[in-house]
Amino acid sequence: MGPSATLVGVSFPARLAAACLLAGALSVLGGPAGADPQQPSARQSTDTPFSTLAMRDLFVARPTLGPFDALLATAMLARPTDGRKDPGGDGYRGPSRKACGPRICVHHAVRGTDAPPSRRWVLRTLRALGRVWDHEVGRLGYRPPPPDGRRGGDARFDVYLADLGARGLFGYCTPERRVRGERFAASSYCVLDDDFSRQQFGAAPGDSLRVTAAHEFFHAVQFGYDFREDPWLLESTATWIEETFADKVDDNRRYLRFGTVRRPAVPLDDFSNDRYAHYGSWAWWEFLTGRYGDRIVRAVWGKADTVGRAPDLSSIDAVEAVLERRRGLRATLTSYAVANLSPADAYPEGRTWPSAKVSSVARMSPTRTDETVRVRIDHLAARHVAFTPTRELRGGGWRLRVRVDAPRRRSAVRVTVVRTDGQLVRRVVRLDRGKGGATVRFDVRAVARVLVTMVNTSARYRCDRNTMYACGGEPLDDGARFAVRAEVVRR
């Protein structure tokens, strides 16, 4: 369940996206919006509004629009084979053909800028999509996208090829029609770039095709569960699924520096059209599946599902419900934050990942024996502070005494001792009404540094407040105050 679970009270983000799209449509009737074709910066460029979630928001807002805007919205949601009726710039300007398999049809222009380089590329795209279906539906067990009746010719899932690279887009999917009898499940179609040329995308065409097909097809799957779901869940799980399908491509690594691995102070459910944290947070699902298996992501979508009598939970509620039978959100989020200090020890490919930023580093010595660091942390986020011994702290008797003053509830603290031999020693700090501490060895010959990780584990929201967070809600515990006092003592 995404923001505002009623059609009458469409969320502000959806209304804003619709307004921007409708305003932009008047300027793109003569051609697509511009983007630097040499450096597409993300799976869906922010330089153009025609991306999956923007089109989703337009679809959500359409029932509340006036007659003219609703007509224009319908035109913007048109398929490329609708030609000039599609003001998004993807309408074919001439005849089209299609190649079909048992479950998927790939449509393409015969000539013009949207025409693929060859029939061979069309068939390659069809095969890639077939493998994606086998992987996401067959192996991982998700429901296939709802059929679209005779749209596109028959009930098979439709994918269209168009020159999206000119706008910095890899691809997008658009919800199209609500499933009969369901409020928040919809059929859809996808559009992929027509050649994924290395010049535009900076990678081998086959690699770009595979990761984009996996990502965008999963959006079509998601729309069959809940097309109004929280945007961070839609994008982070779609980016994670690239890793499960095309593990060796590693296109999604580029986003890790924007997400919760490198930037622990960013909330887990952060989403913004001009930042990429929601893509980078695919690492959260990689962390979970490394401990509980791939089924845990499907379990979360099962809790978010709206079809029939499904639970219809918002994203974080769904995560909490699934983790409740395991270690719980509080402990799992804290372990995730600690793991990101040393990704090489936590993830199969973590040696190539960035590590978490440390908010502050204090060098402790016999003359600087007492240091207090104060930080503020938003919901579902963390901060790390470090204390390092100078060479004067030599000898087995030196210790670092850590005392933490945290919020009385919804907080967690861990201490990690990084040894000079590279080994990590982790300690749980037990909190009593927000207060707790630990004492660890601090001999410079054995200890490189001591890291204190503080986590705001709050998942409380005032929902339907027109935000981009979970349930469209306003977090109730942002800016939580933490203080760490470190003292050098000698035994």
Protein backbone atom coordinates (compact mmCIF):
# COMPACT_ATOMS: atom_id res chain seq x y z
CA MET A 1 0.00 0.00 0.00
CA GLY A 2 1.51 3.31 -1.04
CA PRO A 3 0.66 6.84 -0.02
CA SER A 4 -3.03 7.67 0.39
CA ALA A 5 -4.95 4.49 -0.14
CA THR A 6 -7.98 6.26 -1.61
CA LEU A 7 -8.49 7.43 -5.15
CA VAL A 8 -10.24 10.60 -4.08
CA GLY A 9 -7.37 11.77 -1.89
CA VAL A 10 -4.53 11.22 -4.32
CA SER A 11 -1.22 11.97 -2.62
CA PHE A 12 0.55 15.26 -3.23
CA PRO A 13 3.58 13.55 -4.84
CA ALA A 14 1.28 11.87 -7.35
CA ARG A 15 -0.56 15.12 -8.05
CA LEU A 16 2.73 17.00 -8.42
CA ALA A 17 4.13 14.38 -10.78
CA ALA A 18 0.95 14.52 -12.81
CA ALA A 19 1.14 18.31 -13.02
CA CYS A 20 4.78 18.21 -14.12
CA LEU A 21 4.09 15.53 -16.68
CA LEU A 22 1.09 17.33 -18.10
CA ALA A 23 2.98 20.61 -18.28
CA GLY A 24 5.94 18.86 -19.84
CA ALA A 25 3.77 17.11 -22.39
CA LEU A 26 2.96 20.40 -24.06
CA SER A 27 6.66 20.99 -24.67
CA VAL A 28 7.54 17.47 -25.85
CA LEU A 29 4.82 17.19 -28.46
CA GLY A 30 7.45 18.24 -30.94
CA GLY A 31 10.09 15.82 -29.64
CA PRO A 32 11.51 14.15 -26.55
CA ALA A 33 13.12 15.98 -23.67
CA GLY A 34 16.86 16.33 -23.91
CA ALA A 35 19.49 14.47 -21.94
CA ASP A 36 23.18 13.95 -22.35
CA PRO A 37 23.35 10.73 -24.36
CA GLN A 38 26.97 10.20 -23.46
CA GLN A 39 26.46 9.91 -19.72
CA PRO A 40 23.12 8.47 -18.61
CA SER A 41 23.34 9.00 -14.88
CA ALA A 42 20.75 6.54 -13.63
CA ARG A 43 18.41 3.72 -14.48
CA GLN A 44 15.82 6.40 -15.12
CA SER A 45 17.18 9.85 -15.78
CA THR A 46 15.91 12.77 -13.76
CA ASP A 47 16.30 14.97 -16.82
CA THR A 48 13.02 13.70 -18.24
CA PRO A 49 9.72 12.98 -16.51
CA PHE A 50 8.91 9.90 -18.59
CA SER A 51 10.15 7.25 -16.16
CA THR A 52 8.40 4.31 -14.53
CA LEU A 53 7.41 6.01 -11.29
CA ALA A 54 6.47 9.28 -12.97
CA MET A 55 4.17 7.37 -15.32
CA ARG A 56 2.87 5.39 -12.36
CA ASP A 57 2.03 8.62 -10.55
CA LEU A 58 0.24 9.92 -13.62
CA PHE A 59 -1.79 6.71 -13.80
CA VAL A 60 -2.70 7.05 -10.11
CA ALA A 61 -3.72 10.69 -10.47
CA ARG A 62 -5.67 10.32 -13.71
CA PRO A 63 -9.08 9.54 -12.10
CA THR A 64 -8.94 12.86 -10.22
CA LEU A 65 -8.05 15.06 -13.20
CA GLY A 66 -10.35 17.33 -15.12
CA PRO A 67 -11.60 16.27 -18.58
CA PHE A 68 -8.82 17.93 -20.59
CA ASP A 69 -6.02 16.82 -18.29
CA ALA A 70 -7.45 13.30 -18.09
CA LEU A 71 -7.50 13.13 -21.89
CA LEU A 72 -3.92 14.34 -22.08
CA ALA A 73 -2.89 11.88 -19.35
CA THR A 74 -4.44 9.03 -21.33
CA ALA A 75 -2.47 10.15 -24.38
CA MET A 76 0.74 10.23 -22.38
CA LEU A 77 0.11 6.69 -21.17
CA ALA A 78 -0.38 5.55 -24.77
CA ARG A 79 1.69 2.77 -26.29
CA PRO A 80 4.31 3.52 -28.93
CA THR A 81 2.17 1.75 -31.52
CA ASP A 82 -0.44 4.46 -30.96
CA GLY A 83 1.86 6.69 -33.01
CA ARG A 84 1.29 10.42 -32.75
CA LYS A 85 -1.31 9.87 -30.03
CA ASP A 86 1.67 9.32 -27.72
CA PRO A 87 3.08 12.78 -26.86
CA GLY A 88 5.81 11.19 -24.75
CA GLY A 89 7.99 11.06 -27.83
CA ASP A 90 7.91 7.26 -28.08
CA GLY A 91 5.09 6.92 -30.61
CA TYR A 92 6.20 5.22 -33.81
CA ARG A 93 6.00 7.44 -36.89
CA GLY A 94 5.39 4.56 -39.27
CA PRO A 95 4.53 0.87 -39.46
CA SER A 96 5.61 -1.58 -36.77
CA ARG A 97 6.16 -5.29 -36.45
CA LYS A 98 6.40 -7.69 -33.57
CA ALA A 99 8.14 -10.91 -32.61
CA CYS A 100 6.38 -13.11 -30.08
CA GLY A 101 7.15 -16.01 -27.79
CA PRO A 102 4.67 -18.01 -25.71
CA ARG A 103 4.29 -15.23 -23.10
CA ILE A 104 5.86 -12.03 -24.48
CA CYS A 105 5.68 -9.95 -27.65
CA VAL A 106 8.36 -7.43 -28.63
CA HIS A 107 7.09 -4.61 -30.86
CA HIS A 108 9.38 -2.40 -32.92
CA ALA A 109 9.29 0.29 -35.59
CA VAL A 110 10.20 -0.72 -39.12
CA ARG A 111 12.08 2.48 -39.86
CA GLY A 112 13.02 5.79 -38.30
CA THR A 113 14.94 6.66 -35.15
CA ASP A 114 13.05 4.08 -33.08
CA ALA A 115 13.86 1.18 -35.40
CA PRO A 116 16.25 -1.41 -33.92
CA PRO A 117 19.50 -2.13 -35.77
CA SER A 118 18.34 -5.55 -36.97
CA ARG A 119 15.76 -8.29 -36.63
CA ARG A 120 18.43 -10.21 -34.78
CA TRP A 121 18.42 -7.59 -32.00
CA VAL A 122 14.64 -7.90 -31.69
CA LEU A 123 14.93 -11.66 -31.24
CA ARG A 124 17.76 -11.20 -28.77
CA THR A 125 15.54 -8.88 -26.74
CA LEU A 126 12.72 -11.42 -26.85
CA ARG A 127 15.02 -14.20 -25.61
CA ALA A 128 16.34 -12.00 -22.80
CA LEU A 129 12.82 -11.16 -21.67
CA GLY A 130 11.86 -14.82 -21.78
CA ARG A 131 14.77 -15.65 -19.49
CA VAL A 132 13.77 -12.82 -17.17
CA TRP A 133 10.23 -14.26 -16.98
CA ASP A 134 11.63 -17.72 -16.22
CA HIS A 135 13.82 -16.24 -13.49
CA GLU A 136 11.41 -13.88 -11.75
CA VAL A 137 8.22 -15.88 -12.16
CA GLY A 138 9.58 -19.39 -12.50
CA ARG A 139 12.55 -19.51 -10.12
CA LEU A 140 11.77 -16.71 -7.65
CA GLY A 141 8.04 -17.42 -7.58
CA TYR A 142 6.45 -14.02 -8.24
CA ARG A 143 3.10 -13.77 -9.98
CA PRO A 144 3.34 -12.85 -13.66
CA PRO A 145 2.09 -9.42 -14.72
CA PRO A 146 -1.70 -9.37 -15.10
CA PRO A 147 -2.82 -10.00 -18.70
CA ASP A 148 -3.93 -6.97 -20.72
CA GLY A 149 -6.75 -8.54 -22.73
CA ARG A 150 -6.26 -7.79 -26.40
CA ARG A 151 -4.13 -4.71 -25.95
CA GLY A 152 -1.12 -5.13 -28.19
CA GLY A 153 -2.91 -7.83 -30.15
CA ASP A 154 -3.51 -10.50 -27.50
CA ALA A 155 -3.06 -11.20 -23.79
CA ARG A 156 0.69 -11.75 -23.99
CA PHE A 157 2.89 -9.22 -22.20
CA ASP A 158 3.98 -6.42 -24.51
CA VAL A 159 7.38 -4.75 -24.70
CA TYR A 160 8.15 -1.94 -27.13
CA LEU A 161 11.52 -0.81 -28.45
CA ALA A 162 12.22 2.91 -28.83
CA ASP A 163 15.20 5.25 -28.89
CA LEU A 164 15.17 6.08 -25.18
CA GLY A 165 18.89 6.66 -24.88
CA ALA A 166 18.48 10.12 -26.37
CA ARG A 167 16.70 11.02 -23.11
CA GLY A 168 19.03 9.19 -20.77
CA LEU A 169 16.52 6.39 -20.19
CA PHE A 170 17.25 2.67 -20.19
CA GLY A 171 13.56 1.75 -20.13
CA TYR A 172 10.29 2.20 -18.30
CA CYS A 173 7.05 0.40 -17.56
CA THR A 174 3.60 1.94 -17.38
CA PRO A 175 0.55 0.65 -15.50
CA GLU A 176 -2.32 0.77 -17.94
CA ARG A 177 -5.60 -0.71 -16.70
CA ARG A 178 -6.80 -1.80 -13.30
CA VAL A 179 -7.44 -5.49 -12.92
CA ARG A 180 -11.18 -6.10 -12.77
CA GLY A 181 -12.33 -6.42 -9.18
CA GLU A 182 -9.05 -5.09 -7.75
CA ARG A 183 -8.38 -1.57 -6.51
CA PHE A 184 -4.61 -1.45 -6.75
CA ALA A 185 -3.48 -4.11 -9.23
CA ALA A 186 -2.96 -3.19 -12.87
CA SER A 187 -1.84 -4.60 -16.18
CA SER A 188 1.05 -2.81 -17.83
CA TYR A 189 3.49 -2.67 -20.70
CA CYS A 190 7.19 -1.82 -20.93
CA VAL A 191 9.39 0.20 -23.27
CA LEU A 192 13.11 -0.58 -23.65
CA ASP A 193 15.81 1.16 -25.60
CA ASP A 194 16.03 -0.03 -29.19
CA ASP A 195 19.74 -0.91 -29.26
CA PHE A 196 21.46 -0.06 -25.93
CA SER A 197 24.41 1.27 -27.87
CA ARG A 198 27.68 1.49 -26.00
CA GLN A 199 27.98 5.12 -27.11
CA GLN A 200 24.82 6.06 -25.20
CA PHE A 201 25.00 3.70 -22.23
CA GLY A 202 28.71 3.09 -21.72
CA ALA A 203 28.45 -0.70 -21.50
CA ALA A 204 28.09 -3.74 -23.72
CA PRO A 205 24.60 -3.67 -25.31
CA GLY A 206 23.80 -7.20 -24.14
CA ASP A 207 24.67 -6.34 -20.54
CA SER A 208 22.51 -3.19 -20.54
CA LEU A 209 19.67 -5.18 -22.09
CA ARG A 210 19.77 -7.89 -19.45
CA VAL A 211 19.82 -5.66 -16.39
CA THR A 212 17.18 -3.31 -17.82
CA ALA A 213 14.89 -6.17 -18.81
CA ALA A 214 15.16 -7.65 -15.31
CA HIS A 215 14.57 -4.28 -13.62
CA GLU A 216 11.67 -3.07 -15.74
CA PHE A 217 9.87 -6.40 -16.01
CA PHE A 218 9.89 -6.57 -12.22
CA HIS A 219 8.07 -3.24 -12.16
CA ALA A 220 5.38 -4.89 -14.28
CA VAL A 221 5.27 -7.71 -11.73
CA GLN A 222 5.00 -5.18 -8.88
CA PHE A 223 2.07 -3.40 -10.55
CA GLY A 224 0.18 -6.69 -10.29
CA TYR A 225 0.67 -6.62 -6.51
CA ASP A 226 0.19 -2.93 -5.70
CA PHE A 227 0.85 -0.16 -8.20
CA ARG A 228 0.57 2.43 -5.42
CA GLU A 229 3.31 0.93 -3.28
CA ASP A 230 5.94 3.14 -1.66
CA PRO A 231 8.50 4.23 -4.27
CA TRP A 232 11.62 3.17 -2.37
CA LEU A 233 10.31 -0.42 -2.23
CA LEU A 234 9.48 -0.42 -5.93
CA GLU A 235 12.92 0.81 -6.97
CA SER A 236 15.17 -0.88 -4.42
CA THR A 237 13.73 -4.35 -5.06
CA ALA A 238 13.80 -3.85 -8.84
CA THR A 239 17.47 -2.86 -8.60
CA TRP A 240 18.20 -5.83 -6.32
CA ILE A 241 16.62 -8.26 -8.76
CA GLU A 242 19.17 -7.22 -11.38
CA GLU A 243 21.80 -8.82 -9.16
CA THR A 244 19.93 -12.11 -9.01
CA PHE A 245 19.48 -12.28 -12.79
CA ALA A 246 22.67 -10.75 -14.20
CA ASP A 247 25.12 -11.05 -11.33
CA LYS A 248 28.24 -10.57 -13.45
CA VAL A 249 27.10 -7.30 -15.03
CA ASP A 250 27.25 -5.34 -11.74
CA ASP A 251 25.59 -2.25 -13.22
CA ASN A 252 23.84 -1.59 -9.91
CA ARG A 253 27.12 -1.06 -8.05
CA ARG A 254 27.19 2.50 -9.32
CA TYR A 255 24.33 3.38 -6.96
CA LEU A 256 25.87 2.02 -3.75
CA ARG A 257 27.64 5.30 -3.00
CA PHE A 258 24.28 7.09 -2.96
CA GLY A 259 22.42 4.59 -0.76
CA THR A 260 22.49 3.31 2.78
CA VAL A 261 25.78 1.43 2.39
CA ARG A 262 27.95 4.48 1.84
CA ARG A 263 25.56 6.98 3.46
CA PRO A 264 24.25 5.41 6.67
CA ALA A 265 22.54 8.65 7.74
CA VAL A 266 20.07 8.30 4.85
CA PRO A 267 16.80 6.65 5.98
CA LEU A 268 16.19 3.19 4.58
CA ASP A 269 12.95 4.31 2.90
CA ASP A 270 14.38 7.49 1.39
CA PHE A 271 13.22 8.36 -2.13
CA SER A 272 13.89 11.46 -4.17
CA ASN A 273 13.70 12.25 -7.86
CA ASP A 274 17.05 14.06 -7.75
CA ARG A 275 18.99 11.58 -5.61
CA TYR A 276 19.64 7.88 -6.06
CA ALA A 277 19.46 6.49 -2.53
CA HIS A 278 16.47 4.33 -3.46
CA TYR A 279 18.56 2.56 -6.09
CA GLY A 280 21.56 2.17 -3.79
CA SER A 281 19.43 0.64 -1.06
CA TRP A 282 19.17 -2.57 -3.07
CA ALA A 283 22.00 -3.60 -0.72
CA TRP A 284 19.43 -3.93 2.08
CA TRP A 285 17.80 -6.79 0.17
CA GLU A 286 21.19 -8.30 -0.60
CA PHE A 287 21.89 -8.25 3.13
CA LEU A 288 18.56 -9.90 3.98
CA THR A 289 18.78 -12.57 1.30
CA GLY A 290 22.32 -13.41 2.36
CA ARG A 291 20.90 -14.41 5.73
CA TYR A 292 17.40 -15.64 4.95
CA GLY A 293 17.41 -16.53 1.25
CA ASP A 294 15.74 -14.95 -1.78
CA ARG A 295 12.26 -15.83 -0.53
CA ILE A 296 12.36 -13.06 2.04
CA VAL A 297 11.91 -10.39 -0.64
CA ARG A 298 8.89 -12.22 -2.04
CA ALA A 299 7.57 -12.53 1.51
CA VAL A 300 7.72 -8.74 1.89
CA TRP A 301 5.85 -8.31 -1.38
CA GLY A 302 3.34 -10.86 -0.12
CA LYS A 303 2.65 -8.61 2.86
CA ALA A 304 2.42 -5.54 0.59
CA ASP A 305 0.14 -7.38 -1.85
CA THR A 306 -3.35 -5.90 -2.37
CA VAL A 307 -4.96 -8.65 -4.45
CA GLY A 308 -7.93 -10.45 -2.94
CA ARG A 309 -7.62 -10.64 0.82
CA ALA A 310 -3.88 -10.00 0.90
CA PRO A 311 -2.55 -7.91 3.86
CA ASP A 312 -2.03 -4.65 1.88
CA LEU A 313 0.66 -3.33 4.23
CA SER A 314 2.82 -0.33 3.49
CA SER A 315 6.47 -1.05 2.78
CA ILE A 316 8.04 -0.72 6.22
CA ASP A 317 5.08 -2.42 7.89
CA ALA A 318 5.57 -5.29 5.44
CA VAL A 319 9.28 -5.49 6.28
CA GLU A 320 8.50 -5.45 10.01
CA ALA A 321 5.89 -8.18 9.63
CA VAL A 322 8.32 -10.46 7.80
CA LEU A 323 11.26 -9.82 10.14
CA GLU A 324 9.08 -10.25 13.22
CA ARG A 325 9.51 -14.03 12.95
CA ARG A 326 13.26 -13.65 12.60
CA ARG A 327 15.47 -11.18 14.48
CA GLY A 328 13.14 -8.23 14.11
CA LEU A 329 13.64 -4.94 12.28
CA ARG A 330 15.58 -3.31 15.12
CA ALA A 331 18.30 -5.95 15.36
CA THR A 332 18.44 -6.56 11.61
CA LEU A 333 18.79 -2.88 10.71
CA THR A 334 21.52 -2.49 13.31
CA SER A 335 23.42 -5.51 11.96
CA TYR A 336 23.06 -4.06 8.46
CA ALA A 337 24.56 -0.74 9.55
CA VAL A 338 27.49 -2.50 11.22
CA ALA A 339 28.04 -4.80 8.23
CA ASN A 340 28.41 -1.80 5.93
CA LEU A 341 31.51 -0.70 7.81
CA SER A 342 33.27 -3.66 6.22
CA PRO A 343 31.33 -4.85 3.14
CA ALA A 344 34.09 -7.28 2.17
CA ASP A 345 33.22 -9.32 5.26
CA ALA A 346 29.46 -9.14 4.74
CA TYR A 347 28.65 -9.53 1.04
CA PRO A 348 29.83 -11.98 -1.64
CA GLU A 349 31.15 -9.12 -3.80
CA GLY A 350 31.65 -6.66 -0.97
CA ARG A 351 35.36 -6.21 -1.60
CA THR A 352 34.39 -3.95 -4.53
CA TRP A 353 31.78 -1.98 -2.58
CA PRO A 354 32.24 1.36 -0.84
CA SER A 355 32.19 1.26 2.95
CA ALA A 356 30.07 3.36 5.26
CA LYS A 357 31.08 6.93 5.94
CA VAL A 358 32.29 7.67 9.45
CA SER A 359 30.80 10.90 10.81
CA SER A 360 33.77 11.85 12.97
CA VAL A 361 37.18 10.53 14.00
CA ALA A 362 38.82 11.43 17.30
CA ARG A 363 42.51 10.68 17.96
CA MET A 364 42.92 9.71 21.60
CA SER A 365 46.17 10.04 23.53
CA PRO A 366 47.48 10.28 27.10
CA THR A 367 46.83 14.03 26.88
CA ARG A 368 43.48 13.71 25.13
CA THR A 369 41.72 11.12 27.19
CA ASP A 370 38.11 12.32 27.09
CA GLU A 371 36.00 13.03 24.00
CA THR A 372 32.24 13.49 23.59
CA VAL A 373 30.54 13.33 20.20
CA ARG A 374 26.92 14.34 19.69
CA VAL A 375 24.92 13.44 16.61
CA ARG A 376 21.33 13.54 15.41
CA ILE A 377 19.93 10.63 13.45
CA ASP A 378 16.77 10.32 11.37
CA HIS A 379 14.45 7.31 11.34
CA LEU A 380 15.78 3.97 10.03
CA ALA A 381 19.27 5.45 9.74
CA ALA A 382 22.61 5.27 11.51
CA ARG A 383 25.82 7.13 12.21
CA HIS A 384 29.31 5.86 12.98
CA VAL A 385 31.97 7.62 15.03
CA ALA A 386 35.56 6.44 15.41
CA PHE A 387 38.23 6.68 18.09
CA THR A 388 41.85 5.89 17.24
CA PRO A 389 44.79 5.40 19.62
CA THR A 390 48.01 7.34 19.08
CA ARG A 391 51.37 5.60 19.33
CA GLU A 392 51.75 6.76 22.94
CA LEU A 393 48.98 4.35 23.95
CA ARG A 394 51.30 1.38 23.85
CA GLY A 395 50.92 -1.40 26.37
CA GLY A 396 48.38 -3.94 27.45
CA GLY A 397 46.79 -1.79 30.11
CA TRP A 398 45.12 0.83 27.91
CA ARG A 399 41.35 0.65 27.57
CA LEU A 400 38.65 2.78 25.94
CA ARG A 401 35.53 3.23 28.03
CA VAL A 402 32.52 4.11 25.88
CA ARG A 403 29.33 5.55 27.34
CA VAL A 404 26.26 6.24 25.19
CA ASP A 405 23.24 8.41 25.88
CA ALA A 406 20.52 7.53 23.35
CA PRO A 407 16.74 7.91 23.09
CA ARG A 408 14.98 5.76 25.67
CA ARG A 409 13.25 3.74 22.96
CA ARG A 410 13.83 2.75 19.33
CA SER A 411 17.58 3.00 19.41
CA ALA A 412 20.49 0.59 19.24
CA VAL A 413 24.26 0.81 19.67
CA ARG A 414 27.13 -1.46 18.65
CA VAL A 415 30.89 -1.19 19.20
CA THR A 416 33.35 -2.59 16.66
CA VAL A 417 37.02 -2.98 17.49
CA VAL A 418 39.17 -3.02 14.36
CA ARG A 419 42.35 -4.90 15.19
CA THR A 420 45.69 -4.16 13.57
CA ASP A 421 45.62 -7.64 12.01
CA GLY A 422 42.34 -6.77 10.24
CA GLN A 423 40.11 -8.83 12.51
CA LEU A 424 36.86 -7.30 13.76
CA VAL A 425 35.52 -7.72 17.28
CA ARG A 426 31.91 -6.62 17.72
CA ARG A 427 30.11 -5.85 20.95
CA VAL A 428 26.44 -5.20 21.63
CA VAL A 429 25.85 -2.24 23.93
CA ARG A 430 22.91 -3.02 26.18
CA LEU A 431 20.78 0.06 26.71
CA ASP A 432 18.77 0.73 29.84
CA ARG A 433 16.40 3.62 29.20
CA GLY A 434 18.77 4.79 26.50
CA LYS A 435 21.96 4.56 28.54
CA GLY A 436 24.70 1.97 28.18
CA GLY A 437 28.36 1.40 27.67
CA ALA A 438 31.27 -0.92 27.00
CA THR A 439 34.98 -1.03 27.75
CA VAL A 440 37.36 -2.40 25.13
CA ARG A 441 41.10 -2.84 24.64
CA PHE A 442 42.88 0.25 23.25
CA ASP A 443 46.53 -0.72 22.86
CA VAL A 444 47.90 0.78 19.63
CA ARG A 445 49.86 -2.41 18.96
CA ALA A 446 46.64 -4.42 18.75
CA VAL A 447 43.89 -1.91 17.96
CA ALA A 448 43.65 0.29 14.85
CA ARG A 449 40.43 2.00 15.86
CA VAL A 450 37.17 1.61 17.74
CA LEU A 451 33.91 2.37 15.95
CA VAL A 452 30.65 3.17 17.69
CA THR A 453 27.52 2.63 15.60
CA MET A 454 24.31 4.37 16.67
CA VAL A 455 21.00 3.51 15.02
CA ASN A 456 17.60 5.18 15.11
CA THR A 457 15.37 2.14 14.61
CA SER A 458 12.09 4.05 14.70
CA ALA A 459 9.49 2.99 12.15
CA ARG A 460 6.73 5.26 13.44
CA TYR A 461 4.89 7.48 10.97
CA ARG A 462 1.86 9.67 10.74
CA CYS A 463 0.66 8.17 7.47
CA ASP A 464 -0.87 9.91 4.46
CA ARG A 465 1.03 13.16 5.00
CA ASN A 466 2.03 13.62 1.37
CA THR A 467 5.67 12.56 1.70
CA MET A 468 7.78 10.11 -0.28
CA TYR A 469 8.52 7.96 2.78
CA ALA A 470 6.72 4.75 3.74
CA CYS A 471 2.91 5.05 3.73
CA GLY A 472 3.35 8.61 2.46
CA GLY A 473 3.96 9.36 6.10
CA GLU A 474 5.71 11.89 8.28
CA PRO A 475 8.38 10.19 10.42
CA LEU A 476 7.71 10.82 14.10
CA ASP A 477 11.23 10.35 15.43
CA ASP A 478 13.59 12.12 13.03
CA GLY A 479 16.54 14.03 14.43
CA ALA A 480 16.93 11.75 17.44
CA ARG A 481 19.78 12.86 19.71
CA PHE A 482 22.67 10.52 20.53
CA ALA A 483 25.81 11.28 22.53
CA VAL A 484 28.95 9.16 22.86
CA ARG A 485 31.54 9.79 25.53
CA ALA A 486 34.87 7.99 25.12
CA GLU A 487 37.47 7.91 27.91
CA VAL A 488 40.97 6.49 27.77
CA VAL A 489 41.69 4.62 30.99
CA ARG A 490 44.49 2.41 32.23
CA ARG A 491 43.83 -0.81 34.01
